Each structure stands twice: as structure tokens, then as C-alpha cells.
Amino acid sequence: MNRQTLTTIALVFALALLPAARATETENLNMQILPAPGKVIIDGKFDDWDLTGGILACSDVENLRDQFSQWFHVMYDSQNLYVLSRWKDPTPLNNPGVKGDLRLSIGNFKGQPTAVVYRKVADEKKPKTFSSGVVKEYVMDSVAVLADAKISAKVEAQGKRYVVEAAIPLASLGLKLTDGLALRGDFGATHGDKSGADTALRTHWNNQTTGIVNDEVFELKMEPANWGEISFP
């Protein structure tokens, strides 16, 4: 298997603060990144998507599936990696910032959906240091906004849900597609409290060590041991 890695795609938006309770979290063992069936228009709709490879992420399936959950879908063509997230959320897009080997974070920045790439090790240096109550210094070699990413976020406040769709140029990720390509990675979300000021919950496809919240470094850290296998059939 190609051991090249693709880190977490973290879609960072807000959810209301959740009560503590025993919960069954979704567990997905593999994610397929499907070829796009045709031209994909980034408009916040998904009628041009193949949704068959989607995965459900929810921290408490029995109690919160209809309140706090996400469907993640990923496709590709010769030019772009396409990301779609369909959310159930009573306070959609109520987080003013993004947290985020390569981490792609998509979130609300200055009122606009924005993609940011974090690289732990990079040839082109755009360094930024993060700190928290636990870790004094966590340095990223490069933190850069992807100006060439196309992102659409559609909020349905009445239905307490939203959809995020994005086209990310493969070249911006340093990704070259080959037959049978297999990567390691994760898909997840950090959910803010009702005010959008602090993180109240983290939900990931593969990473189950998400108990620490409201800590910038732990939300940003790249931990390959907690990633799953991603395949391009």
C-alpha cells in the first residue's frame, strides 16, 4: 500500500453544548473516494454527486443522530478533490474561526467559508505557533489559506442543518492520483458551543480519542496512529 499520507479534513463549525451521557459513536473502517460521475458545480447542492460512498459520523447514534451528525462524501476527477458534508445542526455555521503531515480545515472565517492548509513539515515556510494550557508550543511549518478552493455553504436555519461543498485543487494538496492509490487520513468536525466561542465536542470518522475539547493544540495536532485507510477505486 502506498504509505503517502493525507491528514484530517476538518470541517469546523458550531453545535450547541451537549449534555454528558453514555453514547455509542459511529465506527467506520474504510472510506472510498469515488470518481465524479460528471461535472461538479460548487453550489451547495448535491444532485450532481455520487453519494454511495458516504460515511455517517455521530458521537451518540441512539440519541443525537437527528440533532448532531454529519454525512461525509469525497469524490475526485483529474483536477480536483471534491468534499461534501451534510450536517444536522441546531445552530448552523455559528463558529467564527477555523482550527485546524497535511490538515485541510474548512470553516467560517470573517463571514466567508474558507479553506486553510496546515503542514507540519513544509519546504515553503509560513510558520505559525499554537499554544494551549497543556502544550506551550506546537509549531506548524506552514499555515496558508487556499485562495483557489471553491466552497459553498448553505444554511437551513429552520431545519437546523447545513451543507458544505468544496472543490480543492489536487495540486494545492500536493496530491497525484495513481491507480490503486491508498492513503491514510481522517475526516472530522469540531463543534462549538452555542456562542461559537469554545469547542464543546469533536466528531471524527476514524479517530476515537476526541475527549479533549476547548484546547487549540489538541484539536490541531496530527496523529497518524488514529487515521484510517482511504482508497481511490
C-alpha atoms as a PDB file:
ATOM      1  CA  MET A   1       0.000   0.000   0.000  1.00  0.00           C
ATOM      2  CA  ASN A   2       1.210   3.494  -0.754  1.00  0.00           C
ATOM      3  CA  ARG A   3       2.101   4.957   2.644  1.00  0.00           C
ATOM      4  CA  GLN A   4       1.705   8.514   1.455  1.00  0.00           C
ATOM      5  CA  THR A   5      -0.480  10.338   3.922  1.00  0.00           C
ATOM      6  CA  LEU A   6      -3.378  12.703   3.695  1.00  0.00           C
ATOM      7  CA  THR A   7      -4.320  14.197   7.040  1.00  0.00           C
ATOM      8  CA  THR A   8      -7.587  15.215   8.551  1.00  0.00           C
ATOM      9  CA  ILE A   9     -10.037  17.218   6.586  1.00  0.00           C
ATOM     10  CA  ALA A  10     -11.653  19.073   9.425  1.00  0.00           C
ATOM     11  CA  LEU A  11     -14.811  20.999   8.765  1.00  0.00           C
ATOM     12  CA  VAL A  12     -15.029  23.411  11.636  1.00  0.00           C
ATOM     13  CA  PHE A  13     -18.472  24.733  12.501  1.00  0.00           C
ATOM     14  CA  ALA A  14     -20.681  25.059  15.574  1.00  0.00           C
ATOM     15  CA  LEU A  15     -23.127  22.942  17.549  1.00  0.00           C
ATOM     16  CA  ALA A  16     -24.913  23.615  20.804  1.00  0.00           C
ATOM     17  CA  LEU A  17     -23.298  22.421  24.011  1.00  0.00           C
ATOM     18  CA  LEU A  18     -24.236  18.790  24.641  1.00  0.00           C
ATOM     19  CA  PRO A  19     -25.053  17.155  27.962  1.00  0.00           C
ATOM     20  CA  ALA A  20     -22.768  14.416  29.242  1.00  0.00           C
ATOM     21  CA  ALA A  21     -24.191  10.949  28.608  1.00  0.00           C
ATOM     22  CA  ARG A  22     -23.231   7.414  27.686  1.00  0.00           C
ATOM     23  CA  ALA A  23     -23.054   7.203  23.928  1.00  0.00           C
ATOM     24  CA  THR A  24     -22.293   4.897  21.019  1.00  0.00           C
ATOM     25  CA  GLU A  25     -20.078   6.627  18.471  1.00  0.00           C
ATOM     26  CA  THR A  26     -20.085   5.618  14.812  1.00  0.00           C
ATOM     27  CA  GLU A  27     -17.121   3.494  13.696  1.00  0.00           C
ATOM     28  CA  ASN A  28     -16.178   3.345  10.007  1.00  0.00           C
ATOM     29  CA  LEU A  29     -13.338   1.112   8.868  1.00  0.00           C
ATOM     30  CA  ASN A  30     -12.781   2.342   5.325  1.00  0.00           C
ATOM     31  CA  MET A  31     -13.701   5.292   3.161  1.00  0.00           C
ATOM     32  CA  GLN A  32     -13.822   5.198  -0.622  1.00  0.00           C
ATOM     33  CA  ILE A  33     -13.113   8.339  -2.600  1.00  0.00           C
ATOM     34  CA  LEU A  34     -15.206   7.871  -5.731  1.00  0.00           C
ATOM     35  CA  PRO A  35     -14.656   9.230  -9.238  1.00  0.00           C
ATOM     36  CA  ALA A  36     -17.023  12.087 -10.002  1.00  0.00           C
ATOM     37  CA  PRO A  37     -19.829  10.920 -12.303  1.00  0.00           C
ATOM     38  CA  GLY A  38     -19.688  14.159 -14.293  1.00  0.00           C
ATOM     39  CA  LYS A  39     -19.118  17.886 -13.944  1.00  0.00           C
ATOM     40  CA  VAL A  40     -19.427  19.050 -10.354  1.00  0.00           C
ATOM     41  CA  ILE A  41     -20.826  22.533  -9.737  1.00  0.00           C
ATOM     42  CA  ILE A  42     -19.910  24.036  -6.360  1.00  0.00           C
ATOM     43  CA  ASP A  43     -23.278  25.478  -5.372  1.00  0.00           C
ATOM     44  CA  GLY A  44     -24.096  23.837  -2.036  1.00  0.00           C
ATOM     45  CA  LYS A  45     -26.351  21.300  -3.730  1.00  0.00           C
ATOM     46  CA  PHE A  46     -25.554  17.630  -4.205  1.00  0.00           C
ATOM     47  CA  ASP A  47     -27.713  16.442  -7.097  1.00  0.00           C
ATOM     48  CA  ASP A  48     -24.518  16.037  -9.154  1.00  0.00           C
ATOM     49  CA  TRP A  49     -22.868  13.796  -6.524  1.00  0.00           C
ATOM     50  CA  ASP A  50     -22.452  10.043  -6.199  1.00  0.00           C
ATOM     51  CA  LEU A  51     -23.471   9.635  -2.549  1.00  0.00           C
ATOM     52  CA  THR A  52     -22.968   5.873  -2.379  1.00  0.00           C
ATOM     53  CA  GLY A  53     -19.540   6.117  -0.733  1.00  0.00           C
ATOM     54  CA  GLY A  54     -20.660   8.386   2.113  1.00  0.00           C
ATOM     55  CA  ILE A  55     -19.977   7.733   5.780  1.00  0.00           C
ATOM     56  CA  LEU A  56     -22.002   8.807   8.809  1.00  0.00           C
ATOM     57  CA  ALA A  57     -20.245  10.362  11.827  1.00  0.00           C
ATOM     58  CA  CYS A  58     -22.103  10.834  15.081  1.00  0.00           C
ATOM     59  CA  SER A  59     -20.903  10.823  18.695  1.00  0.00           C
ATOM     60  CA  ASP A  60     -24.157   9.334  20.024  1.00  0.00           C
ATOM     61  CA  VAL A  61     -26.132   7.435  17.397  1.00  0.00           C
ATOM     62  CA  GLU A  62     -29.014   6.459  19.651  1.00  0.00           C
ATOM     63  CA  ASN A  63     -29.765   9.957  20.906  1.00  0.00           C
ATOM     64  CA  LEU A  64     -28.157  12.553  18.624  1.00  0.00           C
ATOM     65  CA  ARG A  65     -28.350  11.264  15.049  1.00  0.00           C
ATOM     66  CA  ASP A  66     -31.210  13.652  14.210  1.00  0.00           C
ATOM     67  CA  GLN A  67     -29.622  16.577  16.063  1.00  0.00           C
ATOM     68  CA  PHE A  68     -25.823  16.414  15.761  1.00  0.00           C
ATOM     69  CA  SER A  69     -24.479  14.258  12.944  1.00  0.00           C
ATOM     70  CA  GLN A  70     -22.663  14.527   9.631  1.00  0.00           C
ATOM     71  CA  TRP A  71     -22.545  12.628   6.369  1.00  0.00           C
ATOM     72  CA  PHE A  72     -19.134  12.936   4.671  1.00  0.00           C
ATOM     73  CA  HIS A  73     -18.634  12.326   0.938  1.00  0.00           C
ATOM     74  CA  VAL A  74     -15.491  12.678  -1.185  1.00  0.00           C
ATOM     75  CA  MET A  75     -15.015  12.413  -4.966  1.00  0.00           C
ATOM     76  CA  TYR A  76     -12.255  13.256  -7.420  1.00  0.00           C
ATOM     77  CA  ASP A  77     -11.538  13.975 -11.054  1.00  0.00           C
ATOM     78  CA  SER A  78      -8.299  14.753 -12.889  1.00  0.00           C
ATOM     79  CA  GLN A  79      -8.125  18.251 -11.411  1.00  0.00           C
ATOM     80  CA  ASN A  80      -9.897  18.391  -8.051  1.00  0.00           C
ATOM     81  CA  LEU A  81     -10.707  16.609  -4.828  1.00  0.00           C
ATOM     82  CA  TYR A  82     -14.367  17.277  -4.006  1.00  0.00           C
ATOM     83  CA  VAL A  83     -15.590  17.314  -0.406  1.00  0.00           C
ATOM     84  CA  LEU A  84     -19.222  17.328   0.692  1.00  0.00           C
ATOM     85  CA  SER A  85     -20.530  17.390   4.247  1.00  0.00           C
ATOM     86  CA  ARG A  86     -24.238  17.219   5.110  1.00  0.00           C
ATOM     87  CA  TRP A  87     -24.928  18.254   8.674  1.00  0.00           C
ATOM     88  CA  LYS A  88     -27.688  18.074  11.240  1.00  0.00           C
ATOM     89  CA  ASP A  89     -27.085  21.073  13.492  1.00  0.00           C
ATOM     90  CA  PRO A  90     -29.431  23.294  15.552  1.00  0.00           C
ATOM     91  CA  THR A  91     -27.003  26.265  15.359  1.00  0.00           C
ATOM     92  CA  PRO A  92     -25.581  26.067  11.821  1.00  0.00           C
ATOM     93  CA  LEU A  93     -22.324  27.830  10.950  1.00  0.00           C
ATOM     94  CA  ASN A  94     -22.033  29.542  14.314  1.00  0.00           C
ATOM     95  CA  ASN A  95     -18.272  29.368  14.811  1.00  0.00           C
ATOM     96  CA  PRO A  96     -16.134  32.381  13.870  1.00  0.00           C
ATOM     97  CA  GLY A  97     -12.830  30.584  13.334  1.00  0.00           C
ATOM     98  CA  VAL A  98     -11.107  27.540  11.947  1.00  0.00           C
ATOM     99  CA  LYS A  99      -8.943  25.030  13.800  1.00  0.00           C
ATOM    100  CA  GLY A 100      -7.314  23.013  12.152  1.00  0.00           C
ATOM    101  CA  ASP A 101       1.661  15.561   7.728  1.00  0.00           C
ATOM    102  CA  LEU A 102      -1.356  17.993   5.933  1.00  0.00           C
ATOM    103  CA  ARG A 103      -4.548  19.142   7.532  1.00  0.00           C
ATOM    104  CA  LEU A 104      -7.253  20.804   5.463  1.00  0.00           C
ATOM    105  CA  SER A 105      -9.651  22.860   7.545  1.00  0.00           C
ATOM    106  CA  ILE A 106     -12.808  24.418   6.129  1.00  0.00           C
ATOM    107  CA  GLY A 107     -14.716  26.898   8.233  1.00  0.00           C
ATOM    108  CA  ASN A 108     -16.247  30.305   8.664  1.00  0.00           C
ATOM    109  CA  PHE A 109     -13.520  32.982   8.561  1.00  0.00           C
ATOM    110  CA  LYS A 110     -14.536  36.638   8.587  1.00  0.00           C
ATOM    111  CA  GLY A 111     -18.011  35.671   7.412  1.00  0.00           C
ATOM    112  CA  GLN A 112     -16.825  33.576   4.466  1.00  0.00           C
ATOM    113  CA  PRO A 113     -16.317  29.807   4.093  1.00  0.00           C
ATOM    114  CA  THR A 114     -12.544  29.446   3.894  1.00  0.00           C
ATOM    115  CA  ALA A 115     -10.087  26.581   3.360  1.00  0.00           C
ATOM    116  CA  VAL A 116      -6.804  26.581   5.271  1.00  0.00           C
ATOM    117  CA  VAL A 117      -3.984  24.058   4.875  1.00  0.00           C
ATOM    118  CA  TYR A 118      -1.739  23.257   7.832  1.00  0.00           C
ATOM    119  CA  ARG A 119       1.563  21.476   7.160  1.00  0.00           C
ATOM    120  CA  LYS A 120       3.681  20.163   9.998  1.00  0.00           C
ATOM    121  CA  VAL A 121       6.694  19.928   7.700  1.00  0.00           C
ATOM    122  CA  ALA A 122       6.926  22.094   4.572  1.00  0.00           C
ATOM    123  CA  ASP A 123       9.540  23.317   2.128  1.00  0.00           C
ATOM    124  CA  GLU A 124       7.841  26.682   1.754  1.00  0.00           C
ATOM    125  CA  LYS A 125       7.743  28.162   5.248  1.00  0.00           C
ATOM    126  CA  LYS A 126       4.723  30.072   6.529  1.00  0.00           C
ATOM    127  CA  PRO A 127       5.160  29.151  10.180  1.00  0.00           C
ATOM    128  CA  LYS A 128       2.696  29.619  12.985  1.00  0.00           C
ATOM    129  CA  THR A 129       2.959  28.584  16.629  1.00  0.00           C
ATOM    130  CA  PHE A 130      -0.055  27.406  18.609  1.00  0.00           C
ATOM    131  CA  SER A 131      -0.302  27.035  22.376  1.00  0.00           C
ATOM    132  CA  SER A 132      -2.760  25.826  24.989  1.00  0.00           C
ATOM    133  CA  GLY A 133      -2.974  25.124  28.680  1.00  0.00           C
ATOM    134  CA  VAL A 134      -1.336  21.729  28.123  1.00  0.00           C
ATOM    135  CA  VAL A 135       1.140  22.351  25.277  1.00  0.00           C
ATOM    136  CA  LYS A 136       3.223  25.529  25.355  1.00  0.00           C
ATOM    137  CA  GLU A 137       4.374  25.484  21.725  1.00  0.00           C
ATOM    138  CA  TYR A 138       3.062  23.470  18.772  1.00  0.00           C
ATOM    139  CA  VAL A 139       4.667  24.703  15.565  1.00  0.00           C
ATOM    140  CA  MET A 140       3.324  24.295  12.044  1.00  0.00           C
ATOM    141  CA  ASP A 141       5.846  24.906   9.267  1.00  0.00           C
ATOM    142  CA  SER A 142       3.136  26.330   7.055  1.00  0.00           C
ATOM    143  CA  VAL A 143      -0.364  27.698   7.589  1.00  0.00           C
ATOM    144  CA  ALA A 144      -1.878  29.020   4.370  1.00  0.00           C
ATOM    145  CA  VAL A 145      -5.291  29.978   3.039  1.00  0.00           C
ATOM    146  CA  LEU A 146      -6.207  28.172  -0.194  1.00  0.00           C
ATOM    147  CA  ALA A 147      -7.345  31.023  -2.395  1.00  0.00           C
ATOM    148  CA  ASP A 148      -8.049  28.654  -5.303  1.00  0.00           C
ATOM    149  CA  ALA A 149     -10.505  26.485  -3.359  1.00  0.00           C
ATOM    150  CA  LYS A 150     -14.169  26.761  -4.306  1.00  0.00           C
ATOM    151  CA  ILE A 151     -16.519  26.433  -1.335  1.00  0.00           C
ATOM    152  CA  SER A 152     -20.260  26.728  -0.918  1.00  0.00           C
ATOM    153  CA  ALA A 153     -22.059  26.637   2.438  1.00  0.00           C
ATOM    154  CA  LYS A 154     -25.856  26.545   2.535  1.00  0.00           C
ATOM    155  CA  VAL A 155     -27.653  27.089   5.838  1.00  0.00           C
ATOM    156  CA  GLU A 156     -31.196  25.940   6.506  1.00  0.00           C
ATOM    157  CA  ALA A 157     -31.793  27.556   9.884  1.00  0.00           C
ATOM    158  CA  GLN A 158     -35.395  26.353  10.186  1.00  0.00           C
ATOM    159  CA  GLY A 159     -34.334  22.758   9.638  1.00  0.00           C
ATOM    160  CA  LYS A 160     -31.267  23.250  11.840  1.00  0.00           C
ATOM    161  CA  ARG A 161     -28.910  21.913   9.227  1.00  0.00           C
ATOM    162  CA  TYR A 162     -26.395  22.989   6.618  1.00  0.00           C
ATOM    163  CA  VAL A 163     -24.406  21.624   3.695  1.00  0.00           C
ATOM    164  CA  VAL A 164     -20.783  22.375   2.872  1.00  0.00           C
ATOM    165  CA  GLU A 165     -19.413  21.535  -0.574  1.00  0.00           C
ATOM    166  CA  ALA A 166     -15.875  22.221  -1.755  1.00  0.00           C
ATOM    167  CA  ALA A 167     -13.580  21.689  -4.741  1.00  0.00           C
ATOM    168  CA  ILE A 168      -9.935  21.571  -3.680  1.00  0.00           C
ATOM    169  CA  PRO A 169      -7.318  21.565  -6.472  1.00  0.00           C
ATOM    170  CA  LEU A 170      -5.214  18.410  -6.233  1.00  0.00           C
ATOM    171  CA  ALA A 171      -2.101  20.470  -6.915  1.00  0.00           C
ATOM    172  CA  SER A 172      -2.764  22.566  -3.791  1.00  0.00           C
ATOM    173  CA  LEU A 173      -2.696  19.377  -1.729  1.00  0.00           C
ATOM    174  CA  GLY A 174       0.395  18.033  -3.478  1.00  0.00           C
ATOM    175  CA  LEU A 175      -1.678  15.015  -4.468  1.00  0.00           C
ATOM    176  CA  LYS A 176      -1.061  12.974  -7.619  1.00  0.00           C
ATOM    177  CA  LEU A 177      -3.581  10.260  -8.407  1.00  0.00           C
ATOM    178  CA  THR A 178      -2.373   6.807  -9.455  1.00  0.00           C
ATOM    179  CA  ASP A 179      -4.166   3.503  -9.997  1.00  0.00           C
ATOM    180  CA  GLY A 180      -4.940   1.835  -6.700  1.00  0.00           C
ATOM    181  CA  LEU A 181      -3.841   4.832  -4.631  1.00  0.00           C
ATOM    182  CA  ALA A 182      -4.367   4.302  -0.891  1.00  0.00           C
ATOM    183  CA  LEU A 183      -3.752   6.969   1.731  1.00  0.00           C
ATOM    184  CA  ARG A 184      -4.062   7.383   5.476  1.00  0.00           C
ATOM    185  CA  GLY A 185      -6.314  10.125   6.793  1.00  0.00           C
ATOM    186  CA  ASP A 186      -9.377  11.175   8.716  1.00  0.00           C
ATOM    187  CA  PHE A 187     -12.495  13.318   8.374  1.00  0.00           C
ATOM    188  CA  GLY A 188     -13.925  15.167  11.316  1.00  0.00           C
ATOM    189  CA  ALA A 189     -15.514  18.217  12.857  1.00  0.00           C
ATOM    190  CA  THR A 190     -15.056  20.377  15.912  1.00  0.00           C
ATOM    191  CA  HIS A 191     -18.372  21.622  17.242  1.00  0.00           C
ATOM    192  CA  GLY A 192     -18.565  24.913  19.092  1.00  0.00           C
ATOM    193  CA  ASP A 193     -20.809  25.847  21.976  1.00  0.00           C
ATOM    194  CA  LYS A 194     -23.927  27.932  21.365  1.00  0.00           C
ATOM    195  CA  SER A 195     -21.948  31.181  21.477  1.00  0.00           C
ATOM    196  CA  GLY A 196     -19.380  29.894  18.965  1.00  0.00           C
ATOM    197  CA  ALA A 197     -16.557  30.811  21.370  1.00  0.00           C
ATOM    198  CA  ASP A 198     -15.346  27.387  22.563  1.00  0.00           C
ATOM    199  CA  THR A 199     -15.270  23.822  21.276  1.00  0.00           C
ATOM    200  CA  ALA A 200     -17.788  21.571  23.019  1.00  0.00           C
ATOM    201  CA  LEU A 201     -17.479  18.348  21.014  1.00  0.00           C
ATOM    202  CA  ARG A 202     -15.246  16.697  18.408  1.00  0.00           C
ATOM    203  CA  THR A 203     -16.574  14.097  15.970  1.00  0.00           C
ATOM    204  CA  HIS A 204     -14.285  12.120  13.672  1.00  0.00           C
ATOM    205  CA  TRP A 205     -14.680   9.302  11.197  1.00  0.00           C
ATOM    206  CA  ASN A 206     -11.754   7.216  12.480  1.00  0.00           C
ATOM    207  CA  ASN A 207     -10.120   8.960  15.423  1.00  0.00           C
ATOM    208  CA  GLN A 208     -11.781   7.859  18.673  1.00  0.00           C
ATOM    209  CA  THR A 209      -9.515   9.833  21.046  1.00  0.00           C
ATOM    210  CA  THR A 210     -11.554  13.009  20.895  1.00  0.00           C
ATOM    211  CA  GLY A 211     -12.323  13.569  24.567  1.00  0.00           C
ATOM    212  CA  ILE A 212     -10.168  16.693  24.935  1.00  0.00           C
ATOM    213  CA  VAL A 213     -12.035  19.791  23.739  1.00  0.00           C
ATOM    214  CA  ASN A 214     -11.602  23.545  24.043  1.00  0.00           C
ATOM    215  CA  ASP A 215      -7.860  23.066  23.510  1.00  0.00           C
ATOM    216  CA  GLU A 216      -6.449  24.559  20.313  1.00  0.00           C
ATOM    217  CA  VAL A 217      -3.371  22.325  20.126  1.00  0.00           C
ATOM    218  CA  PHE A 218      -5.186  19.015  20.669  1.00  0.00           C
ATOM    219  CA  GLU A 219      -7.785  19.994  18.080  1.00  0.00           C
ATOM    220  CA  LEU A 220      -4.997  20.793  15.602  1.00  0.00           C
ATOM    221  CA  LYS A 221      -2.467  18.011  16.269  1.00  0.00           C
ATOM    222  CA  MET A 222      -1.841  15.424  13.574  1.00  0.00           C
ATOM    223  CA  GLU A 223      -1.838  11.884  14.942  1.00  0.00           C
ATOM    224  CA  PRO A 224      -1.319   9.333  12.129  1.00  0.00           C
ATOM    225  CA  ALA A 225      -1.910   6.407  14.505  1.00  0.00           C
ATOM    226  CA  ASN A 226      -5.549   7.496  14.696  1.00  0.00           C
ATOM    227  CA  TRP A 227      -6.132   7.748  10.953  1.00  0.00           C
ATOM    228  CA  GLY A 228      -7.905   5.232   8.762  1.00  0.00           C
ATOM    229  CA  GLU A 229      -7.335   3.964   5.235  1.00  0.00           C
ATOM    230  CA  ILE A 230      -8.707   5.991   2.330  1.00  0.00           C
ATOM    231  CA  SER A 231      -8.868   4.346  -1.109  1.00  0.00           C
ATOM    232  CA  PHE A 232      -9.420   5.646  -4.646  1.00  0.00           C
ATOM    233  CA  PRO A 233     -11.170   2.812  -6.542  1.00  0.00           C
END
